């Protein structure tokens, strides 16, 4: 947790200059897709039935809603910060891989019966 907080503090100056990001429409679209998937995964995780164990190594097998909210919220913020700090070719790869991985988690949750409907 301390490492996450330090990383966020180090990224604040970069995030504060959002007008200097020089992001294309594609950069914003990839980040928006990732954050949308995180929102669905977040909702799914909060609604896990007791019989299902969480597989995320950052969370316990049966995490509290507080720890889920903290991990998902900080993870989303950190992702935006890392994407903002990376140069374009690395940013596109980072965002693309993140979208595929997070999408896989959402699909896996749906396969085991966890709804994504609000």
Protein backbone atom coordinates (compact mmCIF):
# COMPACT_ATOMS: atom_id res chain seq x y z
CA UNK A 1 0.00 0.00 0.00
CA UNK A 2 2.84 2.35 0.81
CA UNK A 3 4.36 1.71 -2.64
CA UNK A 4 1.05 2.55 -4.35
CA UNK A 5 0.74 5.80 -2.40
CA UNK A 6 4.33 6.75 -3.27
CA UNK A 7 3.75 5.99 -6.95
CA UNK A 8 0.64 8.16 -7.00
CA UNK A 9 2.48 11.03 -5.28
CA UNK A 10 5.27 10.80 -7.84
CA UNK A 11 2.75 10.94 -10.69
CA UNK A 12 0.79 13.95 -9.40
CA UNK A 13 2.99 16.56 -11.14
CA UNK A 14 2.58 14.70 -14.44
CA UNK A 15 -1.18 14.38 -13.97
CA UNK A 16 -1.49 18.05 -13.05
CA UNK A 17 -0.26 18.99 -16.52
CA UNK A 18 -3.00 17.05 -18.34
CA UNK A 19 -3.02 19.66 -21.11
CA UNK A 20 0.55 18.57 -21.95
CA UNK A 21 -0.38 14.89 -22.29
CA UNK A 22 -0.57 15.03 -26.11
CA UNK A 23 -2.99 12.11 -26.22
CA UNK A 24 -4.74 11.13 -29.42
CA UNK A 25 -8.37 10.09 -29.68
CA UNK A 26 -7.14 6.49 -29.65
CA UNK A 27 -5.26 7.02 -26.37
CA UNK A 28 -8.39 8.39 -24.72
CA UNK A 29 -10.54 5.62 -26.22
CA UNK A 30 -8.24 2.88 -24.91
CA UNK A 31 -8.14 4.42 -21.44
CA UNK A 32 -11.92 4.87 -21.43
CA UNK A 33 -12.39 1.24 -22.50
CA UNK A 34 -10.10 0.07 -19.71
CA UNK A 35 -11.86 2.19 -17.08
CA UNK A 36 -15.27 0.95 -18.27
CA UNK A 37 -14.06 -2.63 -17.87
CA UNK A 38 -12.70 -1.81 -14.41
CA UNK A 39 -16.13 -0.43 -13.44
CA UNK A 40 -17.80 -3.68 -14.51
CA UNK A 41 -15.14 -5.82 -12.77
CA UNK A 42 -15.48 -3.67 -9.66
CA UNK A 43 -19.25 -4.20 -9.63
CA UNK A 44 -18.84 -7.93 -10.22
CA UNK A 45 -16.29 -8.25 -7.42
CA UNK A 46 -18.53 -6.43 -4.96
CA UNK A 47 -21.30 -8.90 -5.82
CA UNK A 48 -19.37 -12.17 -5.55
CA UNK A 49 -21.50 -14.85 -3.90
CA UNK A 50 -19.85 -16.33 -0.77
CA UNK A 51 -19.13 -19.62 -2.57
CA UNK A 52 -16.75 -17.91 -5.02
CA UNK A 53 -13.21 -16.96 -4.03
CA UNK A 54 -11.41 -13.92 -5.39
CA UNK A 55 -8.32 -14.83 -7.44
CA UNK A 56 -6.72 -11.37 -7.52
CA UNK A 57 -3.47 -11.75 -5.53
CA UNK A 58 -3.84 -8.20 -4.19
CA UNK A 59 -7.09 -9.12 -2.44
CA UNK A 60 -7.97 -11.86 0.02
CA UNK A 61 -10.11 -14.83 -1.03
CA UNK A 62 -13.18 -13.13 0.47
CA UNK A 63 -12.33 -9.40 0.51
CA UNK A 64 -14.40 -6.78 2.27
CA UNK A 65 -16.16 -4.13 0.21
CA UNK A 66 -13.77 -1.57 1.73
CA UNK A 67 -10.68 -3.41 0.46
CA UNK A 68 -12.31 -3.96 -2.96
CA UNK A 69 -13.17 -0.27 -3.27
CA UNK A 70 -9.68 0.77 -2.18
CA UNK A 71 -7.88 -1.63 -4.53
CA UNK A 72 -10.07 -0.91 -7.55
CA UNK A 73 -10.09 2.86 -7.02
CA UNK A 74 -6.35 3.14 -6.52
CA UNK A 75 -5.72 0.72 -9.37
CA UNK A 76 -7.77 2.85 -11.77
CA UNK A 77 -6.03 6.06 -10.69
CA UNK A 78 -2.62 4.44 -10.92
CA UNK A 79 -3.40 3.10 -14.40
CA UNK A 80 -4.26 6.59 -15.67
CA UNK A 81 -1.07 7.93 -14.08
CA UNK A 82 1.16 5.28 -15.62
CA UNK A 83 -0.49 5.73 -19.02
CA UNK A 84 0.04 9.50 -18.79
CA UNK A 85 3.71 9.07 -17.88
CA UNK A 86 4.55 6.63 -20.69
CA UNK A 87 5.72 7.77 -24.12
CA UNK A 88 3.26 7.06 -26.94
CA UNK A 89 4.45 3.67 -28.26
CA UNK A 90 4.72 2.21 -24.76
CA UNK A 91 1.43 3.83 -23.70
CA UNK A 92 -0.46 2.18 -26.57
CA UNK A 93 0.99 -1.22 -25.69
CA UNK A 94 0.28 -0.74 -21.98
CA UNK A 95 -3.30 0.36 -22.57
CA UNK A 96 -4.01 -2.34 -25.16
CA UNK A 97 -2.68 -5.14 -22.96
CA UNK A 98 -4.63 -3.74 -20.02
CA UNK A 99 -7.89 -3.66 -22.00
CA UNK A 100 -7.43 -7.28 -23.11
CA UNK A 101 -6.51 -8.51 -19.62
CA UNK A 102 -9.30 -6.64 -17.82
CA UNK A 103 -11.80 -7.74 -20.47
CA UNK A 104 -10.72 -11.32 -19.85
CA UNK A 105 -11.40 -10.91 -16.13
CA UNK A 106 -14.89 -9.53 -16.79
CA UNK A 107 -15.68 -12.38 -19.18
CA UNK A 108 -14.33 -14.95 -16.72
CA UNK A 109 -16.50 -13.49 -13.95
CA UNK A 110 -19.54 -13.69 -16.25
CA UNK A 111 -18.71 -17.32 -17.13
CA UNK A 112 -18.79 -18.34 -13.49
CA UNK A 113 -22.15 -16.67 -13.04
CA UNK A 114 -21.36 -13.19 -11.73
CA UNK A 115 -23.67 -10.66 -13.34
CA UNK A 116 -22.43 -7.41 -14.76
CA UNK A 117 -25.88 -5.80 -14.80
CA UNK A 118 -26.66 -2.92 -12.49
